[in-house]
Amino acid sequence: MGKCTWILLLTHILRASGQIELSPTPCNDKAVEKLSKLALTYINEDRTEGYKFALNRISNVHLHAQGPAGNVYYLLLDVLETKCHVRSPKPWKRCDVRPFMETQISGNCNTTILHTAKGYSYLYSYDCTLVPDPPEKLQQTCPACPLLLPVDSPQAVHAAGLTLHKFNTQSTLPSSLALQNLTRASVQSGPVPATFVEYTVQECREGYVGMCVPTDNSGDPSGFCKGAVYGAIGQTDVDVSCEIFHPQGIDVFHDLTPPRPPTMPEVPVFVPNVPIIIPSYPTAPPPLLEEPQPQPFDPSVLVDPTCIFPNPPIPNRSPSSSSESLESQETPVSPGVPDSSSEELGAGVARPPFNFRYRPLRRRRQALVTAKPPHTPVFLAEFPSSPSPFRSCPGFSRYTTV
């Protein structure tokens, strides 16, 4: 029994020591605001369907400081849907937020972002949940405002076809556009019946005029269109506008014929009959004979002076003569070799080459290079949901909601 108690106590201590400590952060912190906008930019770039999100406010922030691995921020962001499609090149800060008269769609995003010690930021994960405003709430504020309509309803599909047909008939583009996906539809009952649609389009093959079927519905859209059909059946007024994301014909390949040289009639060239004068040059004069020159005197040839002026006999001297005279008498002089140094004789002296550099034979000691283990950040499996103790959380709202 006591052994089991010790095991349970040890397990509890290990869990307590391994628990991750999160520090709450104010929502009005400058670094948090910058990371929130950057995270929303990454989210909009990663999404492929729907509309871009705009940041409304920062609701909660948790910071997990991990030393050399960086800081992990857990951001709870309140977002609103804009009128820009996710494929639009316009940044989300320049997109208009959908007003409440058109049924706002709002929600929040659980965002995890890593900020390294070197100053780089990476979006680790995000989970966004958005819902439209209740129609009852909208009707209380604006009874004549349009209400959302299912995108697959026959009324929405018919309105999209009418608006796209009008755009293709009035367009100056080299090819027609085909309906890809309906993204939003709404209907208005009064004072004038109207149907509003928004959809993405794709290019038809070049030279095709009229309605066509897109080659690949899963591909990137070529543009985004907004249309409206006013009036009853038979007496309708159609209004449409489209935004083309990229110029048409960029990825269209044509079979081009190889270039040919221009075929022009040959013009005859008239050459006058003029005699060609070849210049004559005088013959070269005979080479001059070199006169024999006397052989120059070579001072390096040594001459034995003893042959010209023989040494006189050495008389006997007294013992009191100097040691230098005795040494000169005892040292024999070889015939033909003067008593001079090697420098006077012009002997070769060993000199280092011009490109000589001192190279130590002993190699210098080098410090052992050990690869440092990379610092891996740790992320929580569950997004933290504890409330923030700061009064700045949640932050101020940038837009007005119903």
Protein backbone atom coordinates (compact mmCIF):
# COMPACT_ATOMS: atom_id res chain seq x y z
CA MET A 1 0.00 0.00 0.00
CA GLY A 2 2.79 2.40 0.88
CA LYS A 3 4.61 1.57 -2.34
CA CYS A 4 1.58 2.51 -4.45
CA THR A 5 1.25 5.79 -2.56
CA TRP A 6 4.86 6.71 -3.33
CA ILE A 7 4.34 5.91 -7.03
CA LEU A 8 1.24 8.13 -7.24
CA LEU A 9 3.03 10.96 -5.45
CA LEU A 10 6.03 10.73 -7.78
CA THR A 11 3.76 10.77 -10.85
CA HIS A 12 2.00 13.89 -9.56
CA ILE A 13 5.35 15.64 -9.02
CA LEU A 14 6.52 14.80 -12.53
CA ARG A 15 3.31 16.11 -14.06
CA ALA A 16 3.54 19.32 -12.06
CA SER A 17 7.17 19.87 -13.06
CA GLY A 18 6.45 19.21 -16.76
CA GLN A 19 3.45 21.55 -16.94
CA ILE A 20 3.83 24.40 -19.44
CA GLU A 21 3.55 27.86 -17.97
CA LEU A 22 1.69 30.42 -20.10
CA SER A 23 1.88 34.10 -19.31
CA PRO A 24 -1.07 36.34 -20.27
CA THR A 25 -0.21 39.39 -22.36
CA PRO A 26 -2.11 42.68 -22.80
CA CYS A 27 -4.14 42.91 -25.99
CA ASN A 28 -2.94 46.45 -26.69
CA ASP A 29 0.73 45.46 -26.77
CA LYS A 30 2.48 46.79 -29.88
CA ALA A 31 4.19 43.49 -30.67
CA VAL A 32 0.89 41.63 -30.26
CA GLU A 33 -0.92 44.01 -32.63
CA LYS A 34 1.80 43.62 -35.23
CA LEU A 35 1.78 39.83 -34.99
CA SER A 36 -2.03 39.75 -35.17
CA LYS A 37 -2.08 41.66 -38.46
CA LEU A 38 0.72 39.51 -39.83
CA ALA A 39 -1.08 36.32 -38.80
CA LEU A 40 -4.27 37.45 -40.54
CA THR A 41 -2.28 38.16 -43.70
CA TYR A 42 -0.89 34.61 -43.61
CA ILE A 43 -4.39 33.20 -43.06
CA ASN A 44 -5.83 35.05 -46.07
CA GLU A 45 -2.95 33.90 -48.26
CA ASP A 46 -3.42 30.28 -47.23
CA ARG A 47 -7.16 30.10 -47.87
CA THR A 48 -8.46 29.15 -51.32
CA GLU A 49 -12.23 29.69 -51.01
CA GLY A 50 -14.50 32.41 -49.73
CA TYR A 51 -13.69 35.99 -48.89
CA LYS A 52 -10.81 37.66 -47.13
CA PHE A 53 -11.01 38.35 -43.42
CA ALA A 54 -10.44 41.69 -41.73
CA LEU A 55 -9.24 42.08 -38.15
CA ASN A 56 -11.92 43.51 -35.87
CA ARG A 57 -10.27 43.15 -32.45
CA ILE A 58 -7.88 41.05 -30.35
CA SER A 59 -9.84 39.14 -27.71
CA ASN A 60 -7.16 37.22 -25.81
CA VAL A 61 -3.40 36.57 -25.88
CA HIS A 62 -1.27 33.88 -24.21
CA LEU A 63 2.52 33.89 -24.44
CA HIS A 64 4.76 30.85 -24.09
CA ALA A 65 8.38 32.04 -23.83
CA GLN A 66 10.84 29.29 -24.79
CA GLY A 67 14.21 31.02 -24.62
CA PRO A 68 16.43 30.42 -27.68
CA ALA A 69 13.56 28.68 -29.48
CA GLY A 70 11.56 31.92 -29.52
CA ASN A 71 8.12 32.90 -28.29
CA VAL A 72 4.88 31.16 -29.15
CA TYR A 73 1.79 33.38 -29.17
CA TYR A 74 -1.74 32.03 -28.90
CA LEU A 75 -3.98 34.75 -30.35
CA LEU A 76 -7.77 34.79 -30.25
CA LEU A 77 -8.77 37.15 -33.08
CA ASP A 78 -12.25 38.45 -33.91
CA VAL A 79 -12.60 38.78 -37.68
CA LEU A 80 -15.18 40.02 -40.19
CA GLU A 81 -15.79 38.99 -43.77
CA THR A 82 -14.86 41.51 -46.49
CA LYS A 83 -16.07 41.96 -50.06
CA CYS A 84 -12.75 40.81 -51.57
CA HIS A 85 -12.34 37.26 -52.79
CA VAL A 86 -9.37 35.36 -51.41
CA ARG A 87 -7.80 35.27 -54.90
CA SER A 88 -7.99 39.02 -55.27
CA PRO A 89 -4.55 40.69 -55.31
CA LYS A 90 -5.86 43.52 -53.13
CA PRO A 91 -4.59 43.32 -49.50
CA TRP A 92 -7.18 42.79 -46.79
CA LYS A 93 -6.47 46.19 -45.23
CA ARG A 94 -7.80 47.87 -48.39
CA CYS A 95 -10.89 45.68 -48.68
CA ASP A 96 -14.28 46.98 -47.59
CA VAL A 97 -15.95 45.12 -44.76
CA ARG A 98 -19.43 43.90 -45.65
CA PRO A 99 -21.98 46.18 -43.97
CA PHE A 100 -24.70 44.87 -41.72
CA MET A 101 -27.34 45.70 -44.40
CA GLU A 102 -25.88 42.85 -46.49
CA THR A 103 -25.86 40.37 -43.59
CA GLN A 104 -22.48 40.51 -41.92
CA ILE A 105 -20.51 37.32 -41.38
CA SER A 106 -18.31 37.41 -38.29
CA GLY A 107 -16.42 34.99 -36.08
CA ASN A 108 -13.05 34.30 -34.47
CA CYS A 109 -9.79 32.59 -35.34
CA ASN A 110 -7.66 30.58 -32.92
CA THR A 111 -4.20 31.44 -34.20
CA THR A 112 -0.83 30.04 -33.14
CA ILE A 113 2.21 31.96 -34.34
CA LEU A 114 5.92 31.52 -33.60
CA HIS A 115 8.27 34.49 -33.27
CA THR A 116 11.90 33.33 -33.31
CA ALA A 117 14.86 34.92 -31.54
CA LYS A 118 16.16 36.16 -34.93
CA GLY A 119 12.98 38.14 -35.56
CA TYR A 120 11.17 35.80 -37.97
CA SER A 121 7.48 34.99 -37.61
CA TYR A 122 5.78 31.78 -38.74
CA LEU A 123 2.11 30.83 -38.72
CA TYR A 124 1.88 27.41 -37.08
CA SER A 125 -1.89 26.80 -37.13
CA TYR A 126 -5.24 28.55 -37.33
CA ASP A 127 -8.88 27.56 -36.90
CA CYS A 128 -11.53 30.06 -37.98
CA THR A 129 -15.26 29.81 -37.33
CA LEU A 130 -17.61 32.39 -38.85
CA VAL A 131 -21.40 32.59 -38.87
CA PRO A 132 -23.79 35.07 -40.54
CA ASP A 133 -25.97 37.41 -38.55
CA PRO A 134 -29.43 36.02 -37.75
CA PRO A 135 -32.06 37.17 -40.28
CA GLU A 136 -34.46 38.06 -37.46
CA LYS A 137 -31.93 40.48 -36.04
CA LEU A 138 -31.41 42.06 -39.46
CA GLN A 139 -35.14 42.38 -40.11
CA GLN A 140 -35.60 44.28 -36.85
CA THR A 141 -32.98 46.82 -37.89
CA CYS A 142 -33.62 46.94 -41.67
CA PRO A 143 -36.90 45.34 -42.87
CA ALA A 144 -36.16 46.08 -46.57
CA CYS A 145 -32.62 44.67 -46.57
CA PRO A 146 -31.92 41.56 -48.71
CA LEU A 147 -31.64 38.17 -47.03
CA LEU A 148 -29.20 35.38 -47.85
CA LEU A 149 -30.23 32.82 -50.44
CA PRO A 150 -28.75 29.32 -50.94
CA VAL A 151 -26.13 29.45 -53.70
CA ASP A 152 -27.46 26.29 -55.34
CA SER A 153 -31.02 27.57 -55.63
CA PRO A 154 -32.48 27.90 -59.17
CA GLN A 155 -33.09 31.61 -58.65
CA ALA A 156 -29.43 32.25 -57.84
CA VAL A 157 -28.13 30.13 -60.73
CA HIS A 158 -30.48 31.87 -63.18
CA ALA A 159 -29.38 35.31 -62.02
CA ALA A 160 -25.72 34.36 -62.37
CA GLY A 161 -26.30 33.14 -65.94
CA LEU A 162 -28.07 36.36 -66.95
CA THR A 163 -25.42 38.64 -65.54
CA LEU A 164 -22.52 36.66 -67.02
CA HIS A 165 -24.18 36.58 -70.44
CA LYS A 166 -24.46 40.36 -70.42
CA PHE A 167 -20.82 40.73 -69.46
CA ASN A 168 -19.63 38.43 -72.26
CA THR A 169 -21.69 40.28 -74.88
CA GLN A 170 -20.29 43.67 -73.85
CA SER A 171 -16.75 42.57 -73.00
CA THR A 172 -13.70 43.38 -75.11
CA LEU A 173 -11.64 40.49 -73.75
CA PRO A 174 -10.18 38.03 -76.30
CA SER A 175 -12.17 35.12 -74.83
CA SER A 176 -15.41 34.67 -72.95
CA LEU A 177 -15.79 33.86 -69.27
CA ALA A 178 -17.48 30.79 -67.80
CA LEU A 179 -19.19 30.44 -64.44
CA GLN A 180 -17.02 28.56 -61.96
CA ASN A 181 -18.51 28.79 -58.44
CA LEU A 182 -21.33 30.76 -56.86
CA THR A 183 -19.98 32.23 -53.63
CA ARG A 184 -22.91 34.33 -52.37
CA ALA A 185 -26.55 35.03 -53.22
CA SER A 186 -29.26 37.17 -51.64
CA VAL A 187 -32.81 38.17 -52.52
CA GLN A 188 -34.80 41.32 -51.90
CA SER A 189 -38.59 41.41 -51.94
CA GLY A 190 -39.29 45.14 -51.88
CA PRO A 191 -39.65 47.87 -52.81
CA VAL A 192 -38.22 46.45 -56.09
CA PRO A 193 -37.68 42.68 -56.35
CA ALA A 194 -34.01 41.94 -56.89
CA THR A 195 -31.55 39.08 -56.79
CA PHE A 196 -27.88 39.68 -55.99
CA VAL A 197 -25.18 37.14 -56.86
CA GLU A 198 -21.40 36.91 -56.56
CA TYR A 199 -19.35 34.24 -58.32
CA THR A 200 -15.93 33.34 -59.68
CA VAL A 201 -15.26 32.86 -63.39
CA GLN A 202 -12.78 31.07 -65.61
CA GLU A 203 -11.59 31.71 -69.14
CA CYS A 204 -12.96 29.81 -72.11
CA ARG A 205 -10.70 28.67 -74.88
CA GLU A 206 -9.43 31.46 -77.08
CA GLY A 207 -11.81 32.60 -79.76
CA TYR A 208 -14.90 31.02 -78.17
CA VAL A 209 -17.90 33.34 -78.05
CA GLY A 210 -20.90 32.65 -75.84
CA MET A 211 -21.47 30.52 -72.76
CA CYS A 212 -18.99 27.70 -72.28
CA VAL A 213 -18.19 25.10 -69.68
CA PRO A 214 -14.94 25.70 -67.73
CA THR A 215 -12.27 23.13 -68.34
CA ASP A 216 -11.41 22.69 -64.64
CA ASN A 217 -13.67 23.87 -61.82
CA SER A 218 -10.96 23.17 -59.25
CA GLY A 219 -8.42 25.48 -60.90
CA ASP A 220 -7.62 29.03 -59.97
CA PRO A 221 -10.33 31.52 -60.96
CA SER A 222 -9.61 34.13 -63.58
CA GLY A 223 -11.83 36.77 -62.02
CA PHE A 224 -14.65 37.63 -59.67
CA CYS A 225 -18.03 39.04 -60.72
CA LYS A 226 -20.91 40.75 -58.93
CA GLY A 227 -24.31 40.92 -60.58
CA ALA A 228 -27.85 41.99 -59.83
CA VAL A 229 -31.16 41.29 -61.57
CA TYR A 230 -33.90 43.84 -60.86
CA GLY A 231 -37.59 43.48 -61.64
CA ALA A 232 -39.98 40.62 -62.25
CA ILE A 233 -39.64 37.86 -64.82
CA GLY A 234 -39.88 39.25 -68.36
CA GLN A 235 -39.07 42.83 -67.33
CA THR A 236 -35.62 42.60 -65.84
CA ASP A 237 -32.74 45.02 -65.62
CA VAL A 238 -29.31 43.41 -65.35
CA ASP A 239 -26.25 45.03 -63.78
CA VAL A 240 -22.84 43.31 -63.64
CA SER A 241 -19.18 44.14 -62.94
CA CYS A 242 -16.17 41.82 -62.99
CA GLU A 243 -12.65 42.01 -61.60
CA ILE A 244 -10.05 40.13 -63.66
CA PHE A 245 -7.24 38.85 -61.45
CA HIS A 246 -4.66 38.49 -64.24
CA PRO A 247 -4.52 39.42 -67.94
CA GLN A 248 -5.88 36.83 -70.30
CA GLY A 249 -3.74 34.88 -72.71
CA ILE A 250 -0.66 34.63 -70.52
CA ASP A 251 -0.63 30.84 -70.33
CA VAL A 252 -1.98 30.23 -73.86
CA PHE A 253 0.55 28.58 -76.17
CA HIS A 254 0.29 28.96 -79.93
CA ASP A 255 1.93 26.89 -82.68
CA LEU A 256 4.15 29.47 -84.30
CA THR A 257 5.69 28.87 -87.72
CA PRO A 258 9.46 29.24 -87.86
CA PRO A 259 10.58 32.62 -89.18
CA ARG A 260 11.53 32.74 -92.84
CA PRO A 261 13.96 35.13 -94.49
CA PRO A 262 12.28 37.84 -96.56
CA THR A 263 11.95 36.93 -100.25
CA MET A 264 12.91 39.96 -102.32
CA PRO A 265 13.95 40.08 -106.02
CA GLU A 266 17.65 40.10 -106.54
CA VAL A 267 18.99 43.41 -107.81
CA PRO A 268 21.80 43.03 -110.43
CA VAL A 269 25.02 44.63 -109.35
CA PHE A 270 26.78 46.66 -112.10
CA VAL A 271 30.57 46.35 -111.95
CA PRO A 272 32.43 48.85 -114.22
CA ASN A 273 35.22 47.52 -116.45
CA VAL A 274 38.11 49.34 -114.80
CA PRO A 275 41.63 47.88 -114.96
CA ILE A 276 43.03 46.97 -111.59
CA ILE A 277 46.43 48.51 -110.90
CA ILE A 278 48.65 46.31 -108.78
CA PRO A 279 51.21 48.40 -106.93
CA SER A 280 54.84 47.39 -107.40
CA TYR A 281 57.33 47.59 -104.57
CA PRO A 282 61.15 47.92 -105.07
CA THR A 283 63.23 44.90 -104.30
CA ALA A 284 64.83 44.77 -100.90
CA PRO A 285 68.53 45.84 -100.78
CA PRO A 286 71.12 43.15 -100.14
CA PRO A 287 71.96 42.58 -96.50
CA LEU A 288 74.97 44.47 -95.20
CA LEU A 289 78.02 42.44 -94.32
CA GLU A 290 79.08 42.83 -90.72
CA GLU A 291 82.68 43.84 -90.21
CA PRO A 292 84.71 41.68 -87.85
CA GLN A 293 84.92 43.26 -84.42
CA PRO A 294 87.82 42.77 -82.05
CA GLN A 295 87.15 40.49 -79.14
CA PRO A 296 86.34 42.60 -76.06
CA PHE A 297 88.46 42.39 -72.97
CA ASP A 298 87.07 40.09 -70.33
CA PRO A 299 88.00 41.39 -66.84
CA SER A 300 86.72 38.24 -65.18
CA VAL A 301 89.69 36.23 -66.50
CA LEU A 302 92.19 36.00 -63.67
CA VAL A 303 95.83 36.50 -64.42
CA ASP A 304 98.55 35.10 -62.19
CA PRO A 305 100.75 38.07 -61.31
CA THR A 306 103.56 35.75 -60.25
CA CYS A 307 104.15 34.88 -63.85
CA ILE A 308 104.78 38.52 -64.72
CA PHE A 309 106.46 39.70 -61.56
CA PRO A 310 108.21 36.78 -59.81
CA ASN A 311 108.53 37.03 -56.03
CA PRO A 312 112.00 37.98 -54.81
CA PRO A 313 113.83 35.68 -52.42
CA ILE A 314 112.71 36.06 -48.81
CA PRO A 315 115.60 37.05 -46.59
CA ASN A 316 116.18 35.50 -43.19
CA ARG A 317 114.55 37.55 -40.44
CA SER A 318 115.00 37.67 -36.74
CA PRO A 319 112.83 35.65 -34.39
CA SER A 320 111.32 38.91 -33.16
CA SER A 321 109.21 39.25 -36.31
CA SER A 322 105.49 39.43 -35.96
CA SER A 323 103.22 36.42 -36.00
CA GLU A 324 101.43 37.81 -38.98
CA SER A 325 104.55 37.60 -41.16
CA LEU A 326 105.17 34.03 -40.00
CA GLU A 327 101.66 33.00 -40.84
CA SER A 328 101.99 34.52 -44.28
CA GLN A 329 105.18 32.57 -44.85
CA GLU A 330 103.81 29.28 -43.60
CA THR A 331 100.57 29.46 -45.62
CA PRO A 332 101.26 28.29 -49.16
CA VAL A 333 99.59 30.10 -52.00
CA SER A 334 98.25 27.92 -54.71
CA PRO A 335 99.25 29.01 -58.16
CA GLY A 336 96.66 30.83 -60.17
CA VAL A 337 94.33 31.59 -57.17
CA PRO A 338 94.59 35.03 -55.60
CA ASP A 339 94.25 35.61 -51.89
CA SER A 340 90.73 37.13 -51.94
CA SER A 341 87.20 36.36 -50.65
CA SER A 342 84.42 34.59 -52.57
CA GLU A 343 82.51 37.86 -52.96
CA GLU A 344 85.50 39.43 -54.71
CA LEU A 345 85.72 36.42 -57.03
CA GLY A 346 82.04 36.76 -58.00
CA ALA A 347 80.98 33.33 -56.67
CA GLY A 348 77.20 32.53 -56.66
CA VAL A 349 75.27 33.34 -53.49
CA ALA A 350 72.13 31.31 -52.56
CA ARG A 351 69.08 33.62 -52.39
CA PRO A 352 65.40 32.77 -51.73
CA PRO A 353 62.97 32.89 -54.67
CA PHE A 354 60.87 35.97 -55.29
CA ASN A 355 57.62 34.21 -54.27
CA PHE A 356 59.06 32.92 -51.04
CA ARG A 357 56.63 32.81 -48.13
CA TYR A 358 57.20 31.43 -44.72
CA ARG A 359 55.13 28.35 -44.13
CA PRO A 360 55.17 26.86 -40.67
CA LEU A 361 55.48 23.13 -40.75
CA ARG A 362 53.43 22.69 -37.62
CA ARG A 363 49.67 22.92 -38.08
CA ARG A 364 47.78 25.15 -35.74
CA ARG A 365 45.43 23.63 -33.28
CA GLN A 366 41.75 24.01 -34.10
CA ALA A 367 38.93 23.96 -31.65
CA LEU A 368 36.61 21.00 -31.89
CA VAL A 369 33.47 22.02 -33.82
CA THR A 370 30.47 20.45 -32.18
CA ALA A 371 27.08 20.83 -33.82
CA LYS A 372 24.72 22.57 -31.45
CA PRO A 373 21.37 20.88 -31.08
CA PRO A 374 18.62 22.94 -32.75
CA HIS A 375 16.13 24.59 -30.44
CA THR A 376 12.74 23.09 -31.24
CA PRO A 377 9.71 25.06 -30.05
CA VAL A 378 6.88 23.32 -28.24
CA PHE A 379 3.24 23.88 -29.21
CA LEU A 380 0.16 23.01 -27.20
CA ALA A 381 -2.19 20.38 -28.53
CA GLU A 382 -5.22 22.32 -27.21
CA PHE A 383 -5.70 26.03 -27.68
CA PRO A 384 -5.68 27.83 -24.28
CA SER A 385 -9.05 29.20 -23.22
CA SER A 386 -8.32 30.77 -19.83
CA PRO A 387 -9.59 34.38 -19.50
CA SER A 388 -7.14 37.24 -19.52
CA PRO A 389 -6.56 39.25 -16.31
CA PHE A 390 -5.88 42.47 -18.24
CA ARG A 391 -8.50 45.13 -18.80
CA SER A 392 -7.22 45.66 -22.33
CA CYS A 393 -8.61 42.25 -23.32
CA PRO A 394 -10.74 42.08 -25.33
CA GLY A 395 -9.41 45.01 -27.33
CA PHE A 396 -11.39 47.77 -28.97
CA SER A 397 -13.52 46.97 -32.03
CA ARG A 398 -12.47 48.53 -35.32
CA TYR A 399 -15.87 48.06 -36.99
CA THR A 400 -19.48 48.39 -35.91
CA THR A 401 -21.52 45.21 -35.75
CA VAL A 402 -25.18 44.57 -35.10
